């Protein structure tokens, strides 16, 4: 008897009757047992989204060929992967260590389904963190005059390592439109987000000065529009007048860790599908 594999199939297509029936029937014909299924039809975009986990003995090439034929009929975009496969990931940082520490720890101790294959930084401050976890560290300094060369070095690294995901874990450089397009849908950023939003230097001090009651963070896909890419996850903490600036910084870093880790996990588990400027997240 052939050994079964646990697959995850994610897809999107124009909404119409019969999609779920067609997908379930295809999987059944190939001996598949569906273990998880989620779907959503967006009335605004007219698109249908689906994520299915299925146990099947059929080889990948057989399943892929059958799905490709169905995709042609329904104008689908789709992706098939093994459930739990660790996604090859490059993490980019500057000098703040909290998100890098968290991702490396979760990869090692909490089953975060990524394989961090490199840490890239425009500084050397966090080289020791990467070394502690046994991850190759690449120092790629960036100046106004060397920005294009630095981005090409990053793309060469991503290609050479077969990296599927890039995570900006408090990487404090603005990426070019060309780089954002090249890595579209494959690069995730985390940034603080407040109501109101405080930009520039010392945002937590600005928030404290204004007496904010909520601090938060947003994890999103990176686009050429700064901090305006499709949102994957957001998180907040309530604060009050008793909190010092140092307290806001500590709480904000914890919120950033949580939001980024969830976004990375959901992406690696193929739970996030793009719907224009929005995302569909099957938690």
C-alpha atoms as a PDB file:
ATOM      1  CA  UNK A   1       0.000   0.000   0.000  1.00  0.00           C
ATOM      2  CA  UNK A   2       1.387   3.409  -0.960  1.00  0.00           C
ATOM      3  CA  UNK A   3       2.337   5.770   1.825  1.00  0.00           C
ATOM      4  CA  UNK A   4       0.000   8.728   2.193  1.00  0.00           C
ATOM      5  CA  UNK A   5       1.139  12.351   2.193  1.00  0.00           C
ATOM      6  CA  UNK A   6      -0.658  15.199   3.953  1.00  0.00           C
ATOM      7  CA  UNK A   7      -1.093  17.930   1.359  1.00  0.00           C
ATOM      8  CA  UNK A   8      -2.317  21.510   1.580  1.00  0.00           C
ATOM      9  CA  UNK A   9      -4.015  22.972  -1.488  1.00  0.00           C
ATOM     10  CA  UNK A  10      -4.796  26.690  -1.632  1.00  0.00           C
ATOM     11  CA  UNK A  11      -6.553  28.331  -4.553  1.00  0.00           C
ATOM     12  CA  UNK A  12      -8.475  31.321  -5.801  1.00  0.00           C
ATOM     13  CA  UNK A  13     -10.633  31.876  -8.858  1.00  0.00           C
ATOM     14  CA  UNK A  14     -13.682  33.801 -10.067  1.00  0.00           C
ATOM     15  CA  UNK A  15     -16.639  32.714  -7.954  1.00  0.00           C
ATOM     16  CA  UNK A  16     -19.227  30.452  -9.562  1.00  0.00           C
ATOM     17  CA  UNK A  17     -21.319  27.430  -8.559  1.00  0.00           C
ATOM     18  CA  UNK A  18     -19.645  24.036  -8.329  1.00  0.00           C
ATOM     19  CA  UNK A  19     -16.100  24.934  -7.240  1.00  0.00           C
ATOM     20  CA  UNK A  20     -16.168  23.108  -3.900  1.00  0.00           C
ATOM     21  CA  UNK A  21     -17.855  20.087  -5.498  1.00  0.00           C
ATOM     22  CA  UNK A  22     -15.245  20.002  -8.265  1.00  0.00           C
ATOM     23  CA  UNK A  23     -12.273  20.262  -5.881  1.00  0.00           C
ATOM     24  CA  UNK A  24     -13.655  17.692  -3.440  1.00  0.00           C
ATOM     25  CA  UNK A  25     -14.501  15.335  -6.279  1.00  0.00           C
ATOM     26  CA  UNK A  26     -11.022  15.596  -7.767  1.00  0.00           C
ATOM     27  CA  UNK A  27      -9.428  14.796  -4.413  1.00  0.00           C
ATOM     28  CA  UNK A  28     -11.818  11.901  -3.815  1.00  0.00           C
ATOM     29  CA  UNK A  29     -11.037  10.396  -7.210  1.00  0.00           C
ATOM     30  CA  UNK A  30      -7.379  10.362  -6.217  1.00  0.00           C
ATOM     31  CA  UNK A  31      -8.074   8.617  -2.919  1.00  0.00           C
ATOM     32  CA  UNK A  32      -7.872  11.792  -0.876  1.00  0.00           C
ATOM     33  CA  UNK A  33      -9.306  12.163   2.613  1.00  0.00           C
ATOM     34  CA  UNK A  34     -10.001  15.823   3.413  1.00  0.00           C
ATOM     35  CA  UNK A  35      -8.888  16.683   6.962  1.00  0.00           C
ATOM     36  CA  UNK A  36      -9.504  20.443   6.892  1.00  0.00           C
ATOM     37  CA  UNK A  37     -11.389  22.728   4.521  1.00  0.00           C
ATOM     38  CA  UNK A  38     -12.113  26.448   4.525  1.00  0.00           C
ATOM     39  CA  UNK A  39     -13.550  28.666   1.829  1.00  0.00           C
ATOM     40  CA  UNK A  40     -14.747  32.218   1.295  1.00  0.00           C
ATOM     41  CA  UNK A  41     -16.470  34.004  -1.543  1.00  0.00           C
ATOM     42  CA  UNK A  42     -15.778  37.742  -1.643  1.00  0.00           C
ATOM     43  CA  UNK A  43     -18.841  39.580  -2.968  1.00  0.00           C
ATOM     44  CA  UNK A  44     -16.762  42.722  -3.560  1.00  0.00           C
ATOM     45  CA  UNK A  45     -14.058  41.230  -5.759  1.00  0.00           C
ATOM     46  CA  UNK A  46     -16.157  38.339  -7.091  1.00  0.00           C
ATOM     47  CA  UNK A  47     -13.373  35.921  -6.188  1.00  0.00           C
ATOM     48  CA  UNK A  48     -13.564  32.591  -4.392  1.00  0.00           C
ATOM     49  CA  UNK A  49     -10.829  31.400  -2.026  1.00  0.00           C
ATOM     50  CA  UNK A  50     -10.263  27.914  -0.667  1.00  0.00           C
ATOM     51  CA  UNK A  51      -7.729  26.072   1.469  1.00  0.00           C
ATOM     52  CA  UNK A  52      -7.906  22.296   1.806  1.00  0.00           C
ATOM     53  CA  UNK A  53      -5.749  19.816   3.692  1.00  0.00           C
ATOM     54  CA  UNK A  54      -5.983  16.285   2.346  1.00  0.00           C
ATOM     55  CA  UNK A  55      -4.294  12.956   2.970  1.00  0.00           C
ATOM     56  CA  UNK A  56      -3.640  11.093  -0.266  1.00  0.00           C
ATOM     57  CA  UNK A  57      -1.337   8.404  -1.604  1.00  0.00           C
ATOM     58  CA  UNK A  58      -1.248   9.890  -5.094  1.00  0.00           C
ATOM     59  CA  UNK A  59       2.181  11.285  -6.098  1.00  0.00           C
ATOM     60  CA  UNK A  60       2.552  15.037  -6.354  1.00  0.00           C
ATOM     61  CA  UNK A  61       2.896  15.019 -10.131  1.00  0.00           C
ATOM     62  CA  UNK A  62      -0.393  13.113 -10.484  1.00  0.00           C
ATOM     63  CA  UNK A  63      -2.263  15.482  -8.185  1.00  0.00           C
ATOM     64  CA  UNK A  64      -0.684  18.529  -9.787  1.00  0.00           C
ATOM     65  CA  UNK A  65      -1.652  17.381 -13.283  1.00  0.00           C
ATOM     66  CA  UNK A  66      -5.257  16.860 -12.210  1.00  0.00           C
ATOM     67  CA  UNK A  67      -5.405  20.213 -10.421  1.00  0.00           C
ATOM     68  CA  UNK A  68      -3.910  21.972 -13.442  1.00  0.00           C
ATOM     69  CA  UNK A  69      -6.693  20.617 -15.644  1.00  0.00           C
ATOM     70  CA  UNK A  70      -9.300  21.816 -13.140  1.00  0.00           C
ATOM     71  CA  UNK A  71      -7.543  25.184 -12.880  1.00  0.00           C
ATOM     72  CA  UNK A  72      -7.882  25.686 -16.609  1.00  0.00           C
ATOM     73  CA  UNK A  73     -11.630  25.104 -16.368  1.00  0.00           C
ATOM     74  CA  UNK A  74     -12.152  27.498 -13.442  1.00  0.00           C
ATOM     75  CA  UNK A  75      -9.378  30.052 -14.167  1.00  0.00           C
ATOM     76  CA  UNK A  76      -7.715  29.149 -10.869  1.00  0.00           C
ATOM     77  CA  UNK A  77      -4.432  30.140  -9.371  1.00  0.00           C
ATOM     78  CA  UNK A  78      -3.319  27.435  -6.971  1.00  0.00           C
ATOM     79  CA  UNK A  79      -0.530  26.109  -4.816  1.00  0.00           C
ATOM     80  CA  UNK A  80       0.116  22.573  -3.549  1.00  0.00           C
ATOM     81  CA  UNK A  81       2.521  21.817  -0.721  1.00  0.00           C
ATOM     82  CA  UNK A  82       3.194  19.293   2.025  1.00  0.00           C
ATOM     83  CA  UNK A  83       1.535  20.184   5.319  1.00  0.00           C
ATOM     84  CA  UNK A  84       4.122  21.370   7.822  1.00  0.00           C
ATOM     85  CA  UNK A  85       6.994  21.682   5.369  1.00  0.00           C
ATOM     86  CA  UNK A  86       9.401  24.285   6.668  1.00  0.00           C
ATOM     87  CA  UNK A  87       9.542  27.253   4.305  1.00  0.00           C
ATOM     88  CA  UNK A  88      13.050  28.479   3.498  1.00  0.00           C
ATOM     89  CA  UNK A  89      13.248  32.003   4.918  1.00  0.00           C
ATOM     90  CA  UNK A  90      15.650  34.942   4.987  1.00  0.00           C
ATOM     91  CA  UNK A  91      15.266  37.345   7.924  1.00  0.00           C
ATOM     92  CA  UNK A  92      16.415  40.946   7.544  1.00  0.00           C
ATOM     93  CA  UNK A  93      17.248  43.110  10.569  1.00  0.00           C
ATOM     94  CA  UNK A  94      18.981  46.352  11.520  1.00  0.00           C
ATOM     95  CA  UNK A  95      19.795  46.775  15.235  1.00  0.00           C
ATOM     96  CA  UNK A  96      16.576  45.859  17.102  1.00  0.00           C
ATOM     97  CA  UNK A  97      16.836  42.243  18.250  1.00  0.00           C
ATOM     98  CA  UNK A  98      13.413  41.377  19.672  1.00  0.00           C
ATOM     99  CA  UNK A  99      11.716  40.082  16.507  1.00  0.00           C
ATOM    100  CA  UNK A 100      14.806  38.182  15.345  1.00  0.00           C
ATOM    101  CA  UNK A 101      15.200  36.483  18.729  1.00  0.00           C
ATOM    102  CA  UNK A 102      11.526  35.550  18.720  1.00  0.00           C
ATOM    103  CA  UNK A 103      11.488  34.028  15.226  1.00  0.00           C
ATOM    104  CA  UNK A 104      14.658  32.034  15.870  1.00  0.00           C
ATOM    105  CA  UNK A 105      13.300  30.762  19.175  1.00  0.00           C
ATOM    106  CA  UNK A 106       9.921  29.836  17.710  1.00  0.00           C
ATOM    107  CA  UNK A 107      11.577  28.045  14.809  1.00  0.00           C
ATOM    108  CA  UNK A 108      13.624  25.984  17.230  1.00  0.00           C
ATOM    109  CA  UNK A 109      11.180  25.446  20.093  1.00  0.00           C
ATOM    110  CA  UNK A 110       7.595  26.075  18.963  1.00  0.00           C
ATOM    111  CA  UNK A 111       7.378  24.430  15.574  1.00  0.00           C
ATOM    112  CA  UNK A 112       7.223  27.624  13.519  1.00  0.00           C
ATOM    113  CA  UNK A 113       7.214  26.034  10.038  1.00  0.00           C
ATOM    114  CA  UNK A 114      10.128  27.977   8.593  1.00  0.00           C
ATOM    115  CA  UNK A 115      13.780  27.171   8.040  1.00  0.00           C
ATOM    116  CA  UNK A 116      15.714  30.395   8.554  1.00  0.00           C
ATOM    117  CA  UNK A 117      18.592  29.994   6.112  1.00  0.00           C
ATOM    118  CA  UNK A 118      20.188  33.426   6.576  1.00  0.00           C
ATOM    119  CA  UNK A 119      20.081  36.601   8.611  1.00  0.00           C
ATOM    120  CA  UNK A 120      20.846  39.728   6.580  1.00  0.00           C
ATOM    121  CA  UNK A 121      21.565  43.103   8.145  1.00  0.00           C
ATOM    122  CA  UNK A 122      22.804  46.550   7.211  1.00  0.00           C
ATOM    123  CA  UNK A 123      24.616  46.562  10.578  1.00  0.00           C
ATOM    124  CA  UNK A 124      26.739  44.024  12.459  1.00  0.00           C
ATOM    125  CA  UNK A 125      25.072  44.465  15.860  1.00  0.00           C
ATOM    126  CA  UNK A 126      23.059  41.221  15.661  1.00  0.00           C
ATOM    127  CA  UNK A 127      25.722  38.949  14.195  1.00  0.00           C
ATOM    128  CA  UNK A 128      26.115  37.293  17.600  1.00  0.00           C
ATOM    129  CA  UNK A 129      22.423  36.409  17.754  1.00  0.00           C
ATOM    130  CA  UNK A 130      22.602  34.615  14.418  1.00  0.00           C
ATOM    131  CA  UNK A 131      25.809  32.868  15.488  1.00  0.00           C
ATOM    132  CA  UNK A 132      24.181  31.672  18.729  1.00  0.00           C
ATOM    133  CA  UNK A 133      21.454  29.934  16.725  1.00  0.00           C
ATOM    134  CA  UNK A 134      23.871  28.660  14.081  1.00  0.00           C
ATOM    135  CA  UNK A 135      22.410  30.755  11.255  1.00  0.00           C
ATOM    136  CA  UNK A 136      24.687  32.304   8.590  1.00  0.00           C
ATOM    137  CA  UNK A 137      24.916  36.093   8.991  1.00  0.00           C
ATOM    138  CA  UNK A 138      25.374  38.405   5.995  1.00  0.00           C
ATOM    139  CA  UNK A 139      26.376  42.030   6.479  1.00  0.00           C
ATOM    140  CA  UNK A 140      25.046  44.081   3.579  1.00  0.00           C
ATOM    141  CA  UNK A 141      25.665  47.774   4.323  1.00  0.00           C
ATOM    142  CA  UNK A 142      23.375  50.251   2.606  1.00  0.00           C
ATOM    143  CA  UNK A 143      24.049  53.856   1.689  1.00  0.00           C
ATOM    144  CA  UNK A 144      22.317  56.136  -0.765  1.00  0.00           C
ATOM    145  CA  UNK A 145      25.061  55.421  -3.306  1.00  0.00           C
ATOM    146  CA  UNK A 146      25.142  51.633  -2.759  1.00  0.00           C
ATOM    147  CA  UNK A 147      21.427  50.922  -2.380  1.00  0.00           C
ATOM    148  CA  UNK A 148      21.029  49.345  -5.832  1.00  0.00           C
ATOM    149  CA  UNK A 149      24.053  47.089  -5.346  1.00  0.00           C
ATOM    150  CA  UNK A 150      22.883  46.083  -1.866  1.00  0.00           C
ATOM    151  CA  UNK A 151      19.443  45.120  -3.157  1.00  0.00           C
ATOM    152  CA  UNK A 152      20.976  43.088  -5.968  1.00  0.00           C
ATOM    153  CA  UNK A 153      23.155  41.345  -3.389  1.00  0.00           C
ATOM    154  CA  UNK A 154      20.002  40.509  -1.425  1.00  0.00           C
ATOM    155  CA  UNK A 155      18.231  39.142  -4.517  1.00  0.00           C
ATOM    156  CA  UNK A 156      21.278  37.040  -5.392  1.00  0.00           C
ATOM    157  CA  UNK A 157      21.281  35.671  -1.851  1.00  0.00           C
ATOM    158  CA  UNK A 158      17.556  34.867  -1.948  1.00  0.00           C
ATOM    159  CA  UNK A 159      17.983  33.104  -5.285  1.00  0.00           C
ATOM    160  CA  UNK A 160      21.139  31.260  -4.273  1.00  0.00           C
ATOM    161  CA  UNK A 161      19.562  29.979  -1.069  1.00  0.00           C
ATOM    162  CA  UNK A 162      16.252  29.047  -2.763  1.00  0.00           C
ATOM    163  CA  UNK A 163      14.543  31.240  -0.174  1.00  0.00           C
ATOM    164  CA  UNK A 164      10.765  31.335  -0.493  1.00  0.00           C
ATOM    165  CA  UNK A 165      10.076  34.065   2.075  1.00  0.00           C
ATOM    166  CA  UNK A 166      11.815  37.240   3.249  1.00  0.00           C
ATOM    167  CA  UNK A 167      10.889  38.683   6.648  1.00  0.00           C
ATOM    168  CA  UNK A 168      11.730  42.261   7.593  1.00  0.00           C
ATOM    169  CA  UNK A 169      12.117  41.878  11.356  1.00  0.00           C
ATOM    170  CA  UNK A 170      12.568  45.586  12.102  1.00  0.00           C
ATOM    171  CA  UNK A 171      14.772  46.207   9.071  1.00  0.00           C
ATOM    172  CA  UNK A 172      15.018  49.982   8.965  1.00  0.00           C
ATOM    173  CA  UNK A 173      15.561  50.577   5.263  1.00  0.00           C
ATOM    174  CA  UNK A 174      13.041  51.498   2.582  1.00  0.00           C
ATOM    175  CA  UNK A 175      13.066  48.995  -0.262  1.00  0.00           C
ATOM    176  CA  UNK A 176      12.866  50.047  -3.892  1.00  0.00           C
ATOM    177  CA  UNK A 177       9.746  49.532  -5.986  1.00  0.00           C
ATOM    178  CA  UNK A 178      11.664  47.101  -8.211  1.00  0.00           C
ATOM    179  CA  UNK A 179      12.650  44.910  -5.270  1.00  0.00           C
ATOM    180  CA  UNK A 180       9.115  44.983  -3.892  1.00  0.00           C
ATOM    181  CA  UNK A 181       7.726  43.859  -7.250  1.00  0.00           C
ATOM    182  CA  UNK A 182      10.320  41.109  -7.605  1.00  0.00           C
ATOM    183  CA  UNK A 183       9.444  39.682  -4.178  1.00  0.00           C
ATOM    184  CA  UNK A 184       5.725  40.474  -4.352  1.00  0.00           C
ATOM    185  CA  UNK A 185       3.718  38.226  -2.036  1.00  0.00           C
ATOM    186  CA  UNK A 186       6.930  36.764  -0.581  1.00  0.00           C
ATOM    187  CA  UNK A 187       8.100  39.529   1.751  1.00  0.00           C
ATOM    188  CA  UNK A 188       6.537  40.400   5.114  1.00  0.00           C
ATOM    189  CA  UNK A 189       7.181  43.477   7.270  1.00  0.00           C
ATOM    190  CA  UNK A 190       6.322  44.407  10.846  1.00  0.00           C
ATOM    191  CA  UNK A 191       5.898  47.975  12.036  1.00  0.00           C
ATOM    192  CA  UNK A 192       4.432  49.766  15.014  1.00  0.00           C
ATOM    193  CA  UNK A 193       0.993  51.171  14.424  1.00  0.00           C
ATOM    194  CA  UNK A 194      -0.731  53.630  16.679  1.00  0.00           C
ATOM    195  CA  UNK A 195      -3.994  55.510  16.748  1.00  0.00           C
ATOM    196  CA  UNK A 196      -3.024  58.179  15.785  1.00  0.00           C
ATOM    197  CA  UNK A 197       0.008  57.009  13.808  1.00  0.00           C
ATOM    198  CA  UNK A 198       3.362  58.370  14.939  1.00  0.00           C
ATOM    199  CA  UNK A 199       6.123  58.396  12.368  1.00  0.00           C
ATOM    200  CA  UNK A 200       9.750  59.421  12.512  1.00  0.00           C
ATOM    201  CA  UNK A 201      12.069  59.296  15.505  1.00  0.00           C
ATOM    202  CA  UNK A 202      11.065  57.901  18.907  1.00  0.00           C
ATOM    203  CA  UNK A 203       7.465  56.937  18.085  1.00  0.00           C
ATOM    204  CA  UNK A 204       6.812  55.535  21.560  1.00  0.00           C
ATOM    205  CA  UNK A 205       7.895  58.816  23.147  1.00  0.00           C
ATOM    206  CA  UNK A 206       5.510  60.620  20.779  1.00  0.00           C
ATOM    207  CA  UNK A 207       2.739  58.212  21.782  1.00  0.00           C
ATOM    208  CA  UNK A 208       3.455  58.748  25.464  1.00  0.00           C
ATOM    209  CA  UNK A 209       3.394  62.505  25.002  1.00  0.00           C
ATOM    210  CA  UNK A 210      -0.044  62.262  23.383  1.00  0.00           C
ATOM    211  CA  UNK A 211      -1.395  59.962  26.083  1.00  0.00           C
ATOM    212  CA  UNK A 212      -2.396  57.112  23.801  1.00  0.00           C
ATOM    213  CA  UNK A 213      -4.619  54.354  25.181  1.00  0.00           C
ATOM    214  CA  UNK A 214      -3.710  51.701  22.610  1.00  0.00           C
ATOM    215  CA  UNK A 215      -0.387  50.671  21.161  1.00  0.00           C
ATOM    216  CA  UNK A 216      -0.136  48.129  18.406  1.00  0.00           C
ATOM    217  CA  UNK A 217       1.676  46.531  15.502  1.00  0.00           C
ATOM    218  CA  UNK A 218       0.839  45.554  11.933  1.00  0.00           C
ATOM    219  CA  UNK A 219       2.318  42.694   9.909  1.00  0.00           C
ATOM    220  CA  UNK A 220       1.802  43.096   6.174  1.00  0.00           C
ATOM    221  CA  UNK A 221       3.112  42.186   2.765  1.00  0.00           C
ATOM    222  CA  UNK A 222       5.608  44.702   1.417  1.00  0.00           C
ATOM    223  CA  UNK A 223       4.727  46.818  -1.599  1.00  0.00           C
ATOM    224  CA  UNK A 224       6.172  49.974  -3.114  1.00  0.00           C
ATOM    225  CA  UNK A 225       3.718  51.989  -0.987  1.00  0.00           C
ATOM    226  CA  UNK A 226       5.511  52.346   2.344  1.00  0.00           C
ATOM    227  CA  UNK A 227       3.766  50.408   5.134  1.00  0.00           C
ATOM    228  CA  UNK A 228       0.567  50.158   3.073  1.00  0.00           C
ATOM    229  CA  UNK A 229       0.771  46.600   1.742  1.00  0.00           C
ATOM    230  CA  UNK A 230      -1.973  44.001   2.304  1.00  0.00           C
ATOM    231  CA  UNK A 231      -2.399  43.461   6.049  1.00  0.00           C
ATOM    232  CA  UNK A 232      -1.951  39.931   7.381  1.00  0.00           C
ATOM    233  CA  UNK A 233      -2.235  40.494  11.137  1.00  0.00           C
ATOM    234  CA  UNK A 234      -2.600  43.276  13.697  1.00  0.00           C
ATOM    235  CA  UNK A 235      -2.372  43.232  17.479  1.00  0.00           C
ATOM    236  CA  UNK A 236      -2.806  45.815  20.241  1.00  0.00           C
ATOM    237  CA  UNK A 237      -2.211  46.370  23.944  1.00  0.00           C
ATOM    238  CA  UNK A 238      -4.249  48.746  26.099  1.00  0.00           C
ATOM    239  CA  UNK A 239      -2.221  51.231  28.166  1.00  0.00           C
ATOM    240  CA  UNK A 240      -2.981  54.085  30.541  1.00  0.00           C
ATOM    241  CA  UNK A 241      -1.442  57.164  32.128  1.00  0.00           C
ATOM    242  CA  UNK A 242       0.703  55.118  34.522  1.00  0.00           C
ATOM    243  CA  UNK A 243       2.892  53.687  31.763  1.00  0.00           C
ATOM    244  CA  UNK A 244       6.296  55.245  31.167  1.00  0.00           C
ATOM    245  CA  UNK A 245       7.941  55.508  27.764  1.00  0.00           C
ATOM    246  CA  UNK A 246      10.061  52.470  28.671  1.00  0.00           C
ATOM    247  CA  UNK A 247       6.896  50.507  29.424  1.00  0.00           C
ATOM    248  CA  UNK A 248       5.401  51.421  26.060  1.00  0.00           C
ATOM    249  CA  UNK A 249       8.577  50.327  24.280  1.00  0.00           C
ATOM    250  CA  UNK A 250       8.567  46.938  26.051  1.00  0.00           C
ATOM    251  CA  UNK A 251       4.876  46.370  25.412  1.00  0.00           C
ATOM    252  CA  UNK A 252       5.238  47.505  21.812  1.00  0.00           C
ATOM    253  CA  UNK A 253       8.071  45.088  21.178  1.00  0.00           C
ATOM    254  CA  UNK A 254       5.995  42.237  22.567  1.00  0.00           C
ATOM    255  CA  UNK A 255       3.067  43.162  20.325  1.00  0.00           C
ATOM    256  CA  UNK A 256       5.400  43.307  17.324  1.00  0.00           C
ATOM    257  CA  UNK A 257       6.775  39.839  18.127  1.00  0.00           C
ATOM    258  CA  UNK A 258       3.324  38.319  18.402  1.00  0.00           C
ATOM    259  CA  UNK A 259       1.887  39.877  15.253  1.00  0.00           C
ATOM    260  CA  UNK A 260       4.931  39.033  13.144  1.00  0.00           C
ATOM    261  CA  UNK A 261       5.140  35.432  14.355  1.00  0.00           C
ATOM    262  CA  UNK A 262       1.471  34.824  13.540  1.00  0.00           C
ATOM    263  CA  UNK A 263       1.826  36.391  10.080  1.00  0.00           C
ATOM    264  CA  UNK A 264       4.898  34.285   9.292  1.00  0.00           C
ATOM    265  CA  UNK A 265       3.210  31.103  10.541  1.00  0.00           C
ATOM    266  CA  UNK A 266       0.033  31.705   8.566  1.00  0.00           C
ATOM    267  CA  UNK A 267       1.998  32.501   5.407  1.00  0.00           C
ATOM    268  CA  UNK A 268       4.181  29.405   5.791  1.00  0.00           C
ATOM    269  CA  UNK A 269       1.076  27.279   6.333  1.00  0.00           C
ATOM    270  CA  UNK A 270      -0.505  28.697   3.147  1.00  0.00           C
ATOM    271  CA  UNK A 271      -3.334  30.273   5.125  1.00  0.00           C
ATOM    272  CA  UNK A 272      -2.982  33.723   3.540  1.00  0.00           C
ATOM    273  CA  UNK A 273      -4.380  34.448   0.067  1.00  0.00           C
ATOM    274  CA  UNK A 274      -4.204  37.825  -1.630  1.00  0.00           C
ATOM    275  CA  UNK A 275      -7.447  39.545  -2.557  1.00  0.00           C
ATOM    276  CA  UNK A 276      -6.310  42.741  -4.259  1.00  0.00           C
ATOM    277  CA  UNK A 277      -5.152  45.118  -1.524  1.00  0.00           C
ATOM    278  CA  UNK A 278      -6.618  42.818   1.143  1.00  0.00           C
ATOM    279  CA  UNK A 279      -5.819  39.352   2.413  1.00  0.00           C
ATOM    280  CA  UNK A 280      -7.986  36.344   3.139  1.00  0.00           C
ATOM    281  CA  UNK A 281      -6.574  34.565   6.208  1.00  0.00           C
ATOM    282  CA  UNK A 282      -7.843  31.038   6.948  1.00  0.00           C
ATOM    283  CA  UNK A 283      -6.810  30.662  10.583  1.00  0.00           C
END
